[in-house]
PDB file of N, CA and C in Angstrom:
ATOM      1  N   UNK A   1     126.940 126.250  91.675  1.00  0.00           N
ATOM      2  CA  UNK A   1     126.935 126.051  93.115  1.00  0.00           C
ATOM      3  C   UNK A   1     128.277 125.475  93.545  1.00  0.00           C
ATOM      4  N   UNK A   2     128.662 125.829  94.728  1.00  0.00           N
ATOM      5  CA  UNK A   2     129.937 125.292  95.202  1.00  0.00           C
ATOM      6  C   UNK A   2     129.740 123.894  95.791  1.00  0.00           C
ATOM      7  N   UNK A   3     130.850 123.241  96.070  1.00  0.00           N
ATOM      8  CA  UNK A   3     130.817 121.849  96.551  1.00  0.00           C
ATOM      9  C   UNK A   3     130.050 121.706  97.863  1.00  0.00           C
ATOM     10  N   UNK A   4     130.228 122.632  98.792  1.00  0.00           N
ATOM     11  CA  UNK A   4     129.541 122.534 100.080  1.00  0.00           C
ATOM     12  C   UNK A   4     128.026 122.625  99.907  1.00  0.00           C
ATOM     13  N   UNK A   5     127.566 123.480  99.004  1.00  0.00           N
ATOM     14  CA  UNK A   5     126.130 123.569  98.737  1.00  0.00           C
ATOM     15  C   UNK A   5     125.603 122.245  98.199  1.00  0.00           C
ATOM     16  N   UNK A   6     126.375 121.612  97.332  1.00  0.00           N
ATOM     17  CA  UNK A   6     125.966 120.332  96.761  1.00  0.00           C
ATOM     18  C   UNK A   6     125.925 119.247  97.828  1.00  0.00           C
ATOM     19  N   UNK A   7     126.905 119.252  98.724  1.00  0.00           N
ATOM     20  CA  UNK A   7     126.965 118.239  99.781  1.00  0.00           C
ATOM     21  C   UNK A   7     125.760 118.354 100.710  1.00  0.00           C
ATOM     22  N   UNK A   8     125.387 119.568 101.047  1.00  0.00           N
ATOM     23  CA  UNK A   8     124.306 119.769 102.008  1.00  0.00           C
ATOM     24  C   UNK A   8     122.948 120.023 101.362  1.00  0.00           C
ATOM     25  N   UNK A   9     122.822 119.752 100.075  1.00  0.00           N
ATOM     26  CA  UNK A   9     121.538 119.863  99.386  1.00  0.00           C
ATOM     27  C   UNK A   9     120.647 118.715  99.872  1.00  0.00           C
ATOM     28  N   UNK A  10     119.638 119.025 100.651  1.00  0.00           N
ATOM     29  CA  UNK A  10     118.820 117.994 101.288  1.00  0.00           C
ATOM     30  C   UNK A  10     118.103 117.082 100.299  1.00  0.00           C
ATOM     31  N   UNK A  11     117.803 117.568  99.109  1.00  0.00           N
ATOM     32  CA  UNK A  11     117.098 116.716  98.147  1.00  0.00           C
ATOM     33  C   UNK A  11     117.960 115.546  97.686  1.00  0.00           C
ATOM     34  N   UNK A  12     119.278 115.658  97.794  1.00  0.00           N
ATOM     35  CA  UNK A  12     120.150 114.546  97.404  1.00  0.00           C
ATOM     36  C   UNK A  12     120.342 113.545  98.539  1.00  0.00           C
ATOM     37  N   UNK A  13     119.845 113.845  99.712  1.00  0.00           N
ATOM     38  CA  UNK A  13     120.017 112.982 100.881  1.00  0.00           C
ATOM     39  C   UNK A  13     118.795 112.116 101.152  1.00  0.00           C
ATOM     40  N   UNK A  14     117.789 112.174 100.301  1.00  0.00           N
ATOM     41  CA  UNK A  14     116.569 111.405 100.550  1.00  0.00           C
ATOM     42  C   UNK A  14     116.864 109.914 100.486  1.00  0.00           C
ATOM     43  N   UNK A  15     116.282 109.175 101.415  1.00  0.00           N
ATOM     44  CA  UNK A  15     116.482 107.734 101.495  1.00  0.00           C
ATOM     45  C   UNK A  15     115.228 107.004 101.023  1.00  0.00           C
ATOM     46  N   UNK A  16     115.425 105.925 100.309  1.00  0.00           N
ATOM     47  CA  UNK A  16     114.323 105.040  99.971  1.00  0.00           C
ATOM     48  C   UNK A  16     114.008 104.214 101.215  1.00  0.00           C
ATOM     49  N   UNK A  17     112.869 103.554 101.254  1.00  0.00           N
ATOM     50  CA  UNK A  17     112.451 102.816 102.445  1.00  0.00           C
ATOM     51  C   UNK A  17     113.495 101.836 102.968  1.00  0.00           C
ATOM     52  N   UNK A  18     114.095 100.984 102.120  1.00  0.00           N
ATOM     53  CA  UNK A  18     115.105 100.060 102.646  1.00  0.00           C
ATOM     54  C   UNK A  18     116.307 100.786 103.253  1.00  0.00           C
ATOM     55  N   UNK A  19     116.733 101.864 102.619  1.00  0.00           N
ATOM     56  CA  UNK A  19     117.855 102.640 103.151  1.00  0.00           C
ATOM     57  C   UNK A  19     117.498 103.230 104.508  1.00  0.00           C
ATOM     58  N   UNK A  20     116.299 103.766 104.612  1.00  0.00           N
ATOM     59  CA  UNK A  20     115.859 104.378 105.859  1.00  0.00           C
ATOM     60  C   UNK A  20     115.803 103.346 106.979  1.00  0.00           C
ATOM     61  N   UNK A  21     115.232 102.176 106.697  1.00  0.00           N
ATOM     62  CA  UNK A  21     115.176 101.121 107.712  1.00  0.00           C
ATOM     63  C   UNK A  21     116.567 100.716 108.169  1.00  0.00           C
ATOM     64  N   UNK A  22     117.476 100.566 107.226  1.00  0.00           N
ATOM     65  CA  UNK A  22     118.831 100.166 107.591  1.00  0.00           C
ATOM     66  C   UNK A  22     119.516 101.258 108.412  1.00  0.00           C
ATOM     67  N   UNK A  23     119.313 102.503 108.061  1.00  0.00           N
ATOM     68  CA  UNK A  23     119.916 103.598 108.823  1.00  0.00           C
ATOM     69  C   UNK A  23     119.320 103.688 110.233  1.00  0.00           C
ATOM     70  N   UNK A  24     118.017 103.460 110.363  1.00  0.00           N
ATOM     71  CA  UNK A  24     117.402 103.441 111.691  1.00  0.00           C
ATOM     72  C   UNK A  24     117.973 102.308 112.537  1.00  0.00           C
ATOM     73  N   UNK A  25     118.140 101.146 111.922  1.00  0.00           N
ATOM     74  CA  UNK A  25     118.729 100.016 112.644  1.00  0.00           C
ATOM     75  C   UNK A  25     120.168 100.320 113.043  1.00  0.00           C
ATOM     76  N   UNK A  26     120.907 100.972 112.170  1.00  0.00           N
ATOM     77  CA  UNK A  26     122.289 101.341 112.481  1.00  0.00           C
ATOM     78  C   UNK A  26     122.339 102.339 113.636  1.00  0.00           C
ATOM     79  N   UNK A  27     121.469 103.329 113.610  1.00  0.00           N
ATOM     80  CA  UNK A  27     121.423 104.294 114.720  1.00  0.00           C
ATOM     81  C   UNK A  27     121.085 103.603 116.040  1.00  0.00           C
ATOM     82  N   UNK A  28     120.117 102.700 116.002  1.00  0.00           N
ATOM     83  CA  UNK A  28     119.756 101.959 117.214  1.00  0.00           C
ATOM     84  C   UNK A  28     120.936 101.124 117.695  1.00  0.00           C
ATOM     85  N   UNK A  29     121.642 100.497 116.776  1.00  0.00           N
ATOM     86  CA  UNK A  29     122.816  99.691 117.125  1.00  0.00           C
ATOM     87  C   UNK A  29     123.912 100.556 117.742  1.00  0.00           C
ATOM     88  N   UNK A  30     124.159 101.722 117.153  1.00  0.00           N
ATOM     89  CA  UNK A  30     125.195 102.609 117.686  1.00  0.00           C
ATOM     90  C   UNK A  30     124.838 103.101 119.083  1.00  0.00           C
ATOM     91  N   UNK A  31     123.545 103.260 119.342  1.00  0.00           N
ATOM     92  CA  UNK A  31     123.100 103.700 120.662  1.00  0.00           C
ATOM     93  C   UNK A  31     123.227 102.575 121.691  1.00  0.00           C
ATOM     94  N   UNK A  32     122.775 101.377 121.330  1.00  0.00           N
ATOM     95  CA  UNK A  32     122.810 100.229 122.247  1.00  0.00           C
ATOM     96  C   UNK A  32     123.207  98.986 121.458  1.00  0.00           C
ATOM     97  N   UNK A  33     124.519  98.786 121.260  1.00  0.00           N
ATOM     98  CA  UNK A  33     124.990  97.686 120.407  1.00  0.00           C
ATOM     99  C   UNK A  33     124.490  96.307 120.826  1.00  0.00           C
ATOM    100  N   UNK A  34     124.525  96.007 122.101  1.00  0.00           N
ATOM    101  CA  UNK A  34     124.142  94.656 122.519  1.00  0.00           C
ATOM    102  C   UNK A  34     122.662  94.378 122.302  1.00  0.00           C
ATOM    103  N   UNK A  35     121.829  95.411 122.405  1.00  0.00           N
ATOM    104  CA  UNK A  35     120.388  95.213 122.254  1.00  0.00           C
ATOM    105  C   UNK A  35     119.927  95.242 120.797  1.00  0.00           C
ATOM    106  N   UNK A  36     120.669  95.922 119.934  1.00  0.00           N
ATOM    107  CA  UNK A  36     120.176  96.162 118.577  1.00  0.00           C
ATOM    108  C   UNK A  36     121.015  95.532 117.464  1.00  0.00           C
ATOM    109  N   UNK A  37     122.007  94.751 117.823  1.00  0.00           N
ATOM    110  CA  UNK A  37     122.860  94.126 116.804  1.00  0.00           C
ATOM    111  C   UNK A  37     122.059  93.182 115.909  1.00  0.00           C
ATOM    112  N   UNK A  38     121.156  92.423 116.500  1.00  0.00           N
ATOM    113  CA  UNK A  38     120.377  91.448 115.728  1.00  0.00           C
ATOM    114  C   UNK A  38     119.452  92.146 114.733  1.00  0.00           C
ATOM    115  N   UNK A  39     118.867  93.271 115.139  1.00  0.00           N
ATOM    116  CA  UNK A  39     117.993  94.018 114.238  1.00  0.00           C
ATOM    117  C   UNK A  39     118.787  94.527 113.032  1.00  0.00           C
ATOM    118  N   UNK A  40     119.957  95.096 113.271  1.00  0.00           N
ATOM    119  CA  UNK A  40     120.795  95.587 112.173  1.00  0.00           C
ATOM    120  C   UNK A  40     121.210  94.439 111.262  1.00  0.00           C
ATOM    121  N   UNK A  41     121.592  93.330 111.870  1.00  0.00           N
ATOM    122  CA  UNK A  41     122.002  92.158 111.089  1.00  0.00           C
ATOM    123  C   UNK A  41     120.844  91.647 110.225  1.00  0.00           C
ATOM    124  N   UNK A  42     119.654  91.599 110.780  1.00  0.00           N
ATOM    125  CA  UNK A  42     118.486  91.101 110.049  1.00  0.00           C
ATOM    126  C   UNK A  42     118.130  92.010 108.876  1.00  0.00           C
ATOM    127  N   UNK A  43     118.056  93.305 109.131  1.00  0.00           N
ATOM    128  CA  UNK A  43     117.689  94.246 108.064  1.00  0.00           C
ATOM    129  C   UNK A  43     118.742  94.254 106.962  1.00  0.00           C
ATOM    130  N   UNK A  44     120.012  94.233 107.343  1.00  0.00           N
ATOM    131  CA  UNK A  44     121.079  94.194 106.337  1.00  0.00           C
ATOM    132  C   UNK A  44     121.007  92.898 105.537  1.00  0.00           C
ATOM    133  N   UNK A  45     120.740  91.793 106.206  1.00  0.00           N
ATOM    134  CA  UNK A  45     120.605  90.507 105.522  1.00  0.00           C
ATOM    135  C   UNK A  45     119.460  90.498 104.529  1.00  0.00           C
ATOM    136  N   UNK A  46     118.340  91.092 104.915  1.00  0.00           N
ATOM    137  CA  UNK A  46     117.181  91.167 104.019  1.00  0.00           C
ATOM    138  C   UNK A  46     117.514  91.999 102.787  1.00  0.00           C
ATOM    139  N   UNK A  47     118.196  93.116 102.998  1.00  0.00           N
ATOM    140  CA  UNK A  47     118.562  93.976 101.859  1.00  0.00           C
ATOM    141  C   UNK A  47     119.500  93.249 100.903  1.00  0.00           C
ATOM    142  N   UNK A  48     120.486  92.557 101.451  1.00  0.00           N
ATOM    143  CA  UNK A  48     121.437  91.827 100.608  1.00  0.00           C
ATOM    144  C   UNK A  48     120.714  90.710  99.857  1.00  0.00           C
ATOM    145  N   UNK A  49     119.850  89.982 100.543  1.00  0.00           N
ATOM    146  CA  UNK A  49     119.106  88.896  99.897  1.00  0.00           C
ATOM    147  C   UNK A  49     118.207  89.430  98.781  1.00  0.00           C
ATOM    148  N   UNK A  50     117.536  90.543  99.032  1.00  0.00           N
ATOM    149  CA  UNK A  50     116.662  91.129  98.008  1.00  0.00           C
ATOM    150  C   UNK A  50     117.466  91.560  96.787  1.00  0.00           C
ATOM    151  N   UNK A  51     118.618  92.160  97.014  1.00  0.00           N
ATOM    152  CA  UNK A  51     119.467  92.591  95.896  1.00  0.00           C
ATOM    153  C   UNK A  51     119.982  91.389  95.107  1.00  0.00           C
ATOM    154  N   UNK A  52     120.411  90.351  95.811  1.00  0.00           N
ATOM    155  CA  UNK A  52     120.889  89.143  95.127  1.00  0.00           C
ATOM    156  C   UNK A  52     119.772  88.500  94.308  1.00  0.00           C
ATOM    157  N   UNK A  53     118.566  88.418  94.883  1.00  0.00           N
ATOM    158  CA  UNK A  53     117.432  87.859  94.151  1.00  0.00           C
ATOM    159  C   UNK A  53     117.156  88.666  92.889  1.00  0.00           C
ATOM    160  N   UNK A  54     117.167  89.981  93.033  1.00  0.00           N
ATOM    161  CA  UNK A  54     116.903  90.852  91.891  1.00  0.00           C
ATOM    162  C   UNK A  54     117.922  90.613  90.785  1.00  0.00           C
ATOM    163  N   UNK A  55     119.172  90.463  91.169  1.00  0.00           N
ATOM    164  CA  UNK A  55     120.220  90.247  90.160  1.00  0.00           C
ATOM    165  C   UNK A  55     120.123  88.870  89.524  1.00  0.00           C
ATOM    166  N   UNK A  56     119.879  87.850  90.319  1.00  0.00           N
ATOM    167  CA  UNK A  56     119.813  86.482  89.799  1.00  0.00           C
ATOM    168  C   UNK A  56     118.562  86.278  88.951  1.00  0.00           C
ATOM    169  N   UNK A  57     117.453  86.866  89.368  1.00  0.00           N
ATOM    170  CA  UNK A  57     116.187  86.649  88.669  1.00  0.00           C
ATOM    171  C   UNK A  57     115.992  87.595  87.489  1.00  0.00           C
ATOM    172  N   UNK A  58     116.872  88.546  87.318  1.00  0.00           N
ATOM    173  CA  UNK A  58     116.757  89.549  86.252  1.00  0.00           C
ATOM    174  C   UNK A  58     115.473  90.360  86.376  1.00  0.00           C
ATOM    175  N   UNK A  59     114.946  90.480  87.587  1.00  0.00           N
ATOM    176  CA  UNK A  59     113.680  91.177  87.800  1.00  0.00           C
ATOM    177  C   UNK A  59     113.732  92.622  87.320  1.00  0.00           C
ATOM    178  N   UNK A  60     114.820  93.332  87.602  1.00  0.00           N
ATOM    179  CA  UNK A  60     114.889  94.739  87.187  1.00  0.00           C
ATOM    180  C   UNK A  60     114.945  94.862  85.665  1.00  0.00           C
ATOM    181  N   UNK A  61     115.572  93.893  85.008  1.00  0.00           N
ATOM    182  CA  UNK A  61     115.623  93.899  83.544  1.00  0.00           C
ATOM    183  C   UNK A  61     114.227  93.671  82.967  1.00  0.00           C
ATOM    184  N   UNK A  62     113.491  92.740  83.548  1.00  0.00           N
ATOM    185  CA  UNK A  62     112.127  92.469  83.088  1.00  0.00           C
ATOM    186  C   UNK A  62     111.248  93.699  83.290  1.00  0.00           C
ATOM    187  N   UNK A  63     111.411  94.374  84.426  1.00  0.00           N
ATOM    188  CA  UNK A  63     110.636  95.589  84.672  1.00  0.00           C
ATOM    189  C   UNK A  63     110.980  96.669  83.646  1.00  0.00           C
ATOM    190  N   UNK A  64     112.242  96.764  83.255  1.00  0.00           N
ATOM    191  CA  UNK A  64     112.642  97.732  82.226  1.00  0.00           C
ATOM    192  C   UNK A  64     112.001  97.368  80.888  1.00  0.00           C
ATOM    193  N   UNK A  65     111.951  96.076  80.567  1.00  0.00           N
ATOM    194  CA  UNK A  65     111.296  95.638  79.335  1.00  0.00           C
ATOM    195  C   UNK A  65     109.799  95.959  79.363  1.00  0.00           C
ATOM    196  N   UNK A  66     109.172  95.797  80.529  1.00  0.00           N
ATOM    197  CA  UNK A  66     107.751  96.131  80.652  1.00  0.00           C
ATOM    198  C   UNK A  66     107.529  97.620  80.386  1.00  0.00           C
ATOM    199  N   UNK A  67     108.395  98.441  80.930  1.00  0.00           N
ATOM    200  CA  UNK A  67     108.284  99.883  80.707  1.00  0.00           C
ATOM    201  C   UNK A  67     108.437 100.204  79.228  1.00  0.00           C
ATOM    202  N   UNK A  68     109.403  99.567  78.560  1.00  0.00           N
ATOM    203  CA  UNK A  68     109.583  99.771  77.122  1.00  0.00           C
ATOM    204  C   UNK A  68     108.319  99.368  76.359  1.00  0.00           C
ATOM    205  N   UNK A  69     107.720  98.260  76.767  1.00  0.00           N
ATOM    206  CA  UNK A  69     106.485  97.779  76.138  1.00  0.00           C
ATOM    207  C   UNK A  69     105.382  98.833  76.254  1.00  0.00           C
ATOM    208  N   UNK A  70     105.151  99.313  77.469  1.00  0.00           N
ATOM    209  CA  UNK A  70     104.100 100.313  77.689  1.00  0.00           C
ATOM    210  C   UNK A  70     104.384 101.599  76.919  1.00  0.00           C
ATOM    211  N   UNK A  71     105.633 102.007  76.899  1.00  0.00           N
ATOM    212  CA  UNK A  71     105.998 103.235  76.187  1.00  0.00           C
ATOM    213  C   UNK A  71     105.785 103.082  74.681  1.00  0.00           C
ATOM    214  N   UNK A  72     106.095 101.908  74.144  1.00  0.00           N
ATOM    215  CA  UNK A  72     105.901 101.669  72.712  1.00  0.00           C
ATOM    216  C   UNK A  72     104.418 101.730  72.350  1.00  0.00           C
ATOM    217  N   UNK A  73     103.577 101.152  73.197  1.00  0.00           N
ATOM    218  CA  UNK A  73     102.129 101.197  72.948  1.00  0.00           C
ATOM    219  C   UNK A  73     101.623 102.637  73.042  1.00  0.00           C
ATOM    220  N   UNK A  74     102.054 103.343  74.070  1.00  0.00           N
ATOM    221  CA  UNK A  74     101.635 104.743  74.234  1.00  0.00           C
ATOM    222  C   UNK A  74     102.093 105.589  73.051  1.00  0.00           C
ATOM    223  N   UNK A  75     103.314 105.341  72.582  1.00  0.00           N
ATOM    224  CA  UNK A  75     103.841 106.079  71.437  1.00  0.00           C
ATOM    225  C   UNK A  75     103.012 105.792  70.184  1.00  0.00           C
ATOM    226  N   UNK A  76     102.648 104.519  69.988  1.00  0.00           N
ATOM    227  CA  UNK A  76     101.827 104.150  68.834  1.00  0.00           C
ATOM    228  C   UNK A  76     100.478 104.874  68.883  1.00  0.00           C
ATOM    229  N   UNK A  77      99.835 104.844  70.043  1.00  0.00           N
ATOM    230  CA  UNK A  77      98.521 105.483  70.184  1.00  0.00           C
ATOM    231  C   UNK A  77      98.634 106.988  69.959  1.00  0.00           C
ATOM    232  N   UNK A  78      99.706 107.574  70.457  1.00  0.00           N
ATOM    233  CA  UNK A  78      99.912 109.015  70.286  1.00  0.00           C
ATOM    234  C   UNK A  78     100.111 109.374  68.811  1.00  0.00           C
ATOM    235  N   UNK A  79     100.893 108.555  68.106  1.00  0.00           N
ATOM    236  CA  UNK A  79     101.182 108.834  66.699  1.00  0.00           C
ATOM    237  C   UNK A  79     100.037 108.443  65.768  1.00  0.00           C
ATOM    238  N   UNK A  80      99.190 107.516  66.207  1.00  0.00           N
ATOM    239  CA  UNK A  80      98.084 107.023  65.377  1.00  0.00           C
ATOM    240  C   UNK A  80      96.782 107.045  66.184  1.00  0.00           C
ATOM    241  N   UNK A  81      96.297 108.222  66.543  1.00  0.00           N
ATOM    242  CA  UNK A  81      95.117 108.297  67.418  1.00  0.00           C
ATOM    243  C   UNK A  81      93.837 107.731  66.803  1.00  0.00           C
ATOM    244  N   UNK A  82      93.760 107.689  65.499  1.00  0.00           N
ATOM    245  CA  UNK A  82      92.553 107.196  64.831  1.00  0.00           C
ATOM    246  C   UNK A  82      92.804 105.884  64.102  1.00  0.00           C
ATOM    247  N   UNK A  83      93.715 105.088  64.610  1.00  0.00           N
ATOM    248  CA  UNK A  83      94.143 103.891  63.886  1.00  0.00           C
ATOM    249  C   UNK A  83      93.105 102.786  63.850  1.00  0.00           C
ATOM    250  N   UNK A  84      92.236 102.726  64.799  1.00  0.00           N
ATOM    251  CA  UNK A  84      91.231 101.673  64.813  1.00  0.00           C
ATOM    252  C   UNK A  84      91.683 100.471  65.621  1.00  0.00           C
ATOM    253  N   UNK A  85      90.711  99.645  65.963  1.00  0.00           N
ATOM    254  CA  UNK A  85      90.955  98.498  66.827  1.00  0.00           C
ATOM    255  C   UNK A  85      91.884  97.467  66.194  1.00  0.00           C
ATOM    256  N   UNK A  86      91.733  97.211  64.905  1.00  0.00           N
ATOM    257  CA  UNK A  86      92.559  96.200  64.231  1.00  0.00           C
ATOM    258  C   UNK A  86      94.035  96.598  64.233  1.00  0.00           C
ATOM    259  N   UNK A  87      94.316  97.858  63.948  1.00  0.00           N
ATOM    260  CA  UNK A  87      95.707  98.324  63.937  1.00  0.00           C
ATOM    261  C   UNK A  87      96.303  98.293  65.336  1.00  0.00           C
ATOM    262  N   UNK A  88      95.499  98.661  66.326  1.00  0.00           N
ATOM    263  CA  UNK A  88      95.980  98.625  67.706  1.00  0.00           C
ATOM    264  C   UNK A  88      96.258  97.190  68.138  1.00  0.00           C
ATOM    265  N   UNK A  89      95.369  96.279  67.762  1.00  0.00           N
ATOM    266  CA  UNK A  89      95.570  94.867  68.092  1.00  0.00           C
ATOM    267  C   UNK A  89      96.852  94.348  67.451  1.00  0.00           C
ATOM    268  N   UNK A  90      97.092  94.709  66.205  1.00  0.00           N
ATOM    269  CA  UNK A  90      98.304  94.284  65.501  1.00  0.00           C
ATOM    270  C   UNK A  90      99.551  94.824  66.201  1.00  0.00           C
ATOM    271  N   UNK A  91      99.504  96.092  66.612  1.00  0.00           N
ATOM    272  CA  UNK A  91     100.647  96.696  67.305  1.00  0.00           C
ATOM    273  C   UNK A  91     100.871  96.036  68.662  1.00  0.00           C
ATOM    274  N   UNK A  92      99.795  95.748  69.373  1.00  0.00           N
ATOM    275  CA  UNK A  92      99.918  95.055  70.658  1.00  0.00           C
ATOM    276  C   UNK A  92     100.576  93.691  70.478  1.00  0.00           C
ATOM    277  N   UNK A  93     100.133  92.948  69.479  1.00  0.00           N
ATOM    278  CA  UNK A  93     100.716  91.634  69.212  1.00  0.00           C
ATOM    279  C   UNK A  93     102.199  91.755  68.880  1.00  0.00           C
ATOM    280  N   UNK A  94     102.542  92.754  68.096  1.00  0.00           N
ATOM    281  CA  UNK A  94     103.947  92.995  67.737  1.00  0.00           C
ATOM    282  C   UNK A  94     104.777  93.291  68.988  1.00  0.00           C
ATOM    283  N   UNK A  95     104.262  94.172  69.839  1.00  0.00           N
ATOM    284  CA  UNK A  95     105.012  94.552  71.041  1.00  0.00           C
ATOM    285  C   UNK A  95     105.108  93.396  72.043  1.00  0.00           C
ATOM    286  N   UNK A  96     104.067  92.583  72.133  1.00  0.00           N
ATOM    287  CA  UNK A  96     104.119  91.398  72.999  1.00  0.00           C
ATOM    288  C   UNK A  96     105.198  90.445  72.503  1.00  0.00           C
ATOM    289  N   UNK A  97     105.290  90.256  71.193  1.00  0.00           N
ATOM    290  CA  UNK A  97     106.320  89.380  70.623  1.00  0.00           C
ATOM    291  C   UNK A  97     107.717  89.920  70.905  1.00  0.00           C
ATOM    292  N   UNK A  98     107.903  91.220  70.779  1.00  0.00           N
ATOM    293  CA  UNK A  98     109.205  91.835  71.067  1.00  0.00           C
ATOM    294  C   UNK A  98     109.560  91.634  72.538  1.00  0.00           C
ATOM    295  N   UNK A  99     108.591  91.874  73.423  1.00  0.00           N
ATOM    296  CA  UNK A  99     108.801  91.689  74.858  1.00  0.00           C
ATOM    297  C   UNK A  99     109.182  90.240  75.157  1.00  0.00           C
ATOM    298  N   UNK A 100     108.439  89.304  74.590  1.00  0.00           N
ATOM    299  CA  UNK A 100     108.700  87.883  74.834  1.00  0.00           C
ATOM    300  C   UNK A 100     110.092  87.479  74.356  1.00  0.00           C
ATOM    301  N   UNK A 101     110.514  87.984  73.204  1.00  0.00           N
ATOM    302  CA  UNK A 101     111.857  87.685  72.699  1.00  0.00           C
ATOM    303  C   UNK A 101     112.924  88.174  73.661  1.00  0.00           C
ATOM    304  N   UNK A 102     112.753  89.377  74.167  1.00  0.00           N
ATOM    305  CA  UNK A 102     113.735  89.942  75.098  1.00  0.00           C
ATOM    306  C   UNK A 102     113.814  89.112  76.378  1.00  0.00           C
ATOM    307  N   UNK A 103     112.650  88.728  76.906  1.00  0.00           N
ATOM    308  CA  UNK A 103     112.626  87.941  78.141  1.00  0.00           C
ATOM    309  C   UNK A 103     113.231  86.561  77.902  1.00  0.00           C
ATOM    310  N   UNK A 104     112.943  85.966  76.756  1.00  0.00           N
ATOM    311  CA  UNK A 104     113.497  84.643  76.441  1.00  0.00           C
ATOM    312  C   UNK A 104     115.019  84.654  76.368  1.00  0.00           C
ATOM    313  N   UNK A 105     115.598  85.788  76.013  1.00  0.00           N
ATOM    314  CA  UNK A 105     117.055  85.885  75.897  1.00  0.00           C
ATOM    315  C   UNK A 105     117.753  85.992  77.251  1.00  0.00           C
ATOM    316  N   UNK A 106     116.987  86.211  78.308  1.00  0.00           N
ATOM    317  CA  UNK A 106     117.597  86.335  79.644  1.00  0.00           C
ATOM    318  C   UNK A 106     118.132  85.008  80.135  1.00  0.00           C
TER     319      UNK A 106
END
């Protein structure tokens, strides 16, 4: 595909909820700056605060570790479908310990 097709590919222009809210506030501000400046300022401030919190709290890293935990359990069950309750319990304990170690290192 050529560059223009890539630029105007609508699937790459999709906005997540925070992006959409900020863009709506920006459009409102551009239409009536004096009436909508506070709304744009508030939404932008909320987005910046949320991003800073996420970075300081390592929330996205913890969520990635949770996903790894779930995937490891699913992989174990897939590879050992008839393992029994004791083996599953042992694997769960192992994965919980791995998760806890990773979180403790943050």
